[in-house]
C-alpha atoms as a PDB file:
ATOM      1  CA  UNK A   1      30.399 -20.745  44.269  1.00  0.00           C
ATOM      2  CA  UNK A   2      32.873 -18.574  42.099  1.00  0.00           C
ATOM      3  CA  UNK A   3      33.114 -15.596  41.241  1.00  0.00           C
ATOM      4  CA  UNK A   4      34.424 -12.927  38.547  1.00  0.00           C
ATOM      5  CA  UNK A   5      34.807  -9.464  40.132  1.00  0.00           C
ATOM      6  CA  UNK A   6      35.362  -6.648  37.124  1.00  0.00           C
ATOM      7  CA  UNK A   7      36.907  -2.567  38.968  1.00  0.00           C
ATOM      8  CA  UNK A   8      36.377  -0.780  36.024  1.00  0.00           C
ATOM      9  CA  UNK A   9      36.610   3.334  36.627  1.00  0.00           C
ATOM     10  CA  UNK A  10      35.414   5.624  34.152  1.00  0.00           C
ATOM     11  CA  UNK A  11      36.313   9.314  33.900  1.00  0.00           C
ATOM     12  CA  UNK A  12      32.883  10.311  34.892  1.00  0.00           C
ATOM     13  CA  UNK A  13      29.221   9.667  36.622  1.00  0.00           C
ATOM     14  CA  UNK A  14      27.933  10.029  33.844  1.00  0.00           C
ATOM     15  CA  UNK A  15      29.733   7.714  31.164  1.00  0.00           C
ATOM     16  CA  UNK A  16      29.115   5.290  34.010  1.00  0.00           C
ATOM     17  CA  UNK A  17      25.568   5.193  33.786  1.00  0.00           C
ATOM     18  CA  UNK A  18      26.021   4.865  30.400  1.00  0.00           C
ATOM     19  CA  UNK A  19      28.408   2.136  30.943  1.00  0.00           C
ATOM     20  CA  UNK A  20      26.244   0.877  34.006  1.00  0.00           C
ATOM     21  CA  UNK A  21      22.998   0.065  31.596  1.00  0.00           C
ATOM     22  CA  UNK A  22      25.369  -1.007  28.578  1.00  0.00           C
ATOM     23  CA  UNK A  23      26.113  -3.855  31.069  1.00  0.00           C
ATOM     24  CA  UNK A  24      22.996  -4.396  32.812  1.00  0.00           C
ATOM     25  CA  UNK A  25      21.320  -4.842  29.485  1.00  0.00           C
ATOM     26  CA  UNK A  26      24.163  -7.260  27.875  1.00  0.00           C
ATOM     27  CA  UNK A  27      24.737  -9.248  30.635  1.00  0.00           C
ATOM     28  CA  UNK A  28      21.436  -9.398  32.315  1.00  0.00           C
ATOM     29  CA  UNK A  29      20.761 -11.393  29.072  1.00  0.00           C
ATOM     30  CA  UNK A  30      23.243 -13.855  29.253  1.00  0.00           C
ATOM     31  CA  UNK A  31      22.012 -15.169  32.862  1.00  0.00           C
ATOM     32  CA  UNK A  32      20.310 -18.580  31.472  1.00  0.00           C
ATOM     33  CA  UNK A  33      22.774 -18.724  28.769  1.00  0.00           C
ATOM     34  CA  UNK A  34      25.867 -18.565  30.677  1.00  0.00           C
ATOM     35  CA  UNK A  35      24.694 -20.524  33.605  1.00  0.00           C
ATOM     36  CA  UNK A  36      25.156 -17.241  35.688  1.00  0.00           C
ATOM     37  CA  UNK A  37      23.792 -17.927  39.475  1.00  0.00           C
ATOM     38  CA  UNK A  38      23.865 -13.913  40.633  1.00  0.00           C
ATOM     39  CA  UNK A  39      24.709 -11.066  39.441  1.00  0.00           C
ATOM     40  CA  UNK A  40      25.601  -7.554  40.604  1.00  0.00           C
ATOM     41  CA  UNK A  41      25.935  -3.873  38.567  1.00  0.00           C
ATOM     42  CA  UNK A  42      27.417  -1.414  41.326  1.00  0.00           C
ATOM     43  CA  UNK A  43      27.870   2.363  40.118  1.00  0.00           C
ATOM     44  CA  UNK A  44      30.094   4.588  42.792  1.00  0.00           C
ATOM     45  CA  UNK A  45      28.873   8.455  42.854  1.00  0.00           C
ATOM     46  CA  UNK A  46      31.950   8.995  41.205  1.00  0.00           C
ATOM     47  CA  UNK A  47      31.752   6.637  38.139  1.00  0.00           C
ATOM     48  CA  UNK A  48      33.004   3.158  39.060  1.00  0.00           C
ATOM     49  CA  UNK A  49      31.589  -0.157  37.868  1.00  0.00           C
ATOM     50  CA  UNK A  50      31.854  -3.203  40.506  1.00  0.00           C
ATOM     51  CA  UNK A  51      30.404  -6.410  38.537  1.00  0.00           C
ATOM     52  CA  UNK A  52      30.147  -9.238  40.427  1.00  0.00           C
ATOM     53  CA  UNK A  53      29.172 -12.311  38.381  1.00  0.00           C
ATOM     54  CA  UNK A  54      28.636 -15.335  40.323  1.00  0.00           C
ATOM     55  CA  UNK A  55      28.613 -19.061  39.107  1.00  0.00           C
ATOM     56  CA  UNK A  56      28.381 -22.526  41.030  1.00  0.00           C
ATOM     57  CA  UNK A  57      31.128 -24.285  38.616  1.00  0.00           C
ATOM     58  CA  UNK A  58      34.216 -22.904  37.409  1.00  0.00           C
ATOM     59  CA  UNK A  59      33.985 -24.165  34.171  1.00  0.00           C
ATOM     60  CA  UNK A  60      31.340 -21.946  33.842  1.00  0.00           C
ATOM     61  CA  UNK A  61      33.150 -18.751  34.825  1.00  0.00           C
ATOM     62  CA  UNK A  62      36.025 -19.868  32.710  1.00  0.00           C
ATOM     63  CA  UNK A  63      33.448 -20.471  29.478  1.00  0.00           C
ATOM     64  CA  UNK A  64      31.784 -16.872  30.242  1.00  0.00           C
ATOM     65  CA  UNK A  65      34.962 -15.106  30.194  1.00  0.00           C
ATOM     66  CA  UNK A  66      35.891 -16.825  26.381  1.00  0.00           C
ATOM     67  CA  UNK A  67      32.804 -16.316  25.344  1.00  0.00           C
ATOM     68  CA  UNK A  68      31.984 -13.020  26.078  1.00  0.00           C
ATOM     69  CA  UNK A  69      35.218 -11.043  26.060  1.00  0.00           C
ATOM     70  CA  UNK A  70      34.139  -8.699  23.459  1.00  0.00           C
ATOM     71  CA  UNK A  71      31.539  -7.106  25.693  1.00  0.00           C
ATOM     72  CA  UNK A  72      33.865  -5.762  27.728  1.00  0.00           C
ATOM     73  CA  UNK A  73      36.161  -5.006  24.531  1.00  0.00           C
ATOM     74  CA  UNK A  74      33.269  -2.896  23.283  1.00  0.00           C
ATOM     75  CA  UNK A  75      33.142  -0.913  27.020  1.00  0.00           C
ATOM     76  CA  UNK A  76      36.986  -0.315  25.911  1.00  0.00           C
ATOM     77  CA  UNK A  77      36.131   0.737  22.365  1.00  0.00           C
ATOM     78  CA  UNK A  78      33.467   3.508  23.833  1.00  0.00           C
ATOM     79  CA  UNK A  79      35.058   4.839  27.191  1.00  0.00           C
ATOM     80  CA  UNK A  80      38.013   6.328  28.731  1.00  0.00           C
ATOM     81  CA  UNK A  81      38.635   3.571  31.647  1.00  0.00           C
ATOM     82  CA  UNK A  82      40.895   1.978  34.132  1.00  0.00           C
ATOM     83  CA  UNK A  83      39.987  -1.487  34.512  1.00  0.00           C
ATOM     84  CA  UNK A  84      40.679  -4.998  36.985  1.00  0.00           C
ATOM     85  CA  UNK A  85      39.412  -8.317  36.943  1.00  0.00           C
ATOM     86  CA  UNK A  86      40.260 -10.563  38.980  1.00  0.00           C
ATOM     87  CA  UNK A  87      38.358 -14.448  40.248  1.00  0.00           C
ATOM     88  CA  UNK A  88      37.357 -15.090  43.992  1.00  0.00           C
ATOM     89  CA  UNK A  89      35.996 -17.509  45.877  1.00  0.00           C
ATOM     90  CA  UNK A  90      33.324 -16.032  48.678  1.00  0.00           C
ATOM     91  CA  UNK A  91      34.537 -16.873  51.916  1.00  0.00           C
ATOM     92  CA  UNK A  92      31.421 -15.602  53.612  1.00  0.00           C
ATOM     93  CA  UNK A  93      28.665 -14.133  52.227  1.00  0.00           C
ATOM     94  CA  UNK A  94      24.767 -13.565  53.288  1.00  0.00           C
ATOM     95  CA  UNK A  95      22.166 -12.514  51.015  1.00  0.00           C
ATOM     96  CA  UNK A  96      18.448 -12.658  52.056  1.00  0.00           C
ATOM     97  CA  UNK A  97      15.630 -13.934  49.786  1.00  0.00           C
ATOM     98  CA  UNK A  98      13.566 -11.618  48.692  1.00  0.00           C
ATOM     99  CA  UNK A  99      10.856 -14.141  47.384  1.00  0.00           C
ATOM    100  CA  UNK A 100      10.827 -15.126  51.272  1.00  0.00           C
ATOM    101  CA  UNK A 101      10.353 -11.742  52.542  1.00  0.00           C
ATOM    102  CA  UNK A 102       7.257 -10.309  49.884  1.00  0.00           C
ATOM    103  CA  UNK A 103       5.907 -14.418  50.569  1.00  0.00           C
ATOM    104  CA  UNK A 104       5.444 -13.676  53.885  1.00  0.00           C
ATOM    105  CA  UNK A 105       3.873 -10.421  54.363  1.00  0.00           C
ATOM    106  CA  UNK A 106       1.342 -12.136  51.671  1.00  0.00           C
ATOM    107  CA  UNK A 107       0.083 -15.512  53.896  1.00  0.00           C
ATOM    108  CA  UNK A 108       0.430 -13.168  57.217  1.00  0.00           C
END
């Protein structure tokens, strides 16, 4: 798995909420098209966004970066913020599957 991480420090929580909403709508619409394996958008109380986009294949991640750079350019043109982005490979990751918990409760 390959992960693209965006750390976007907005000027305020209000701007962070608007940017998070925009990012969720735009990135959520790209899940199937960009072959995204997992997407997390986190908003801190200071207005900082952490966006992690996971891919099963490095080529999918590279294609996502080149095809959808304008999404982050739109944020830059709308808000003043400091941003960092980097790539990573998860070393340890745990996620409980929500569907198993729901199905277990329905059958039990």
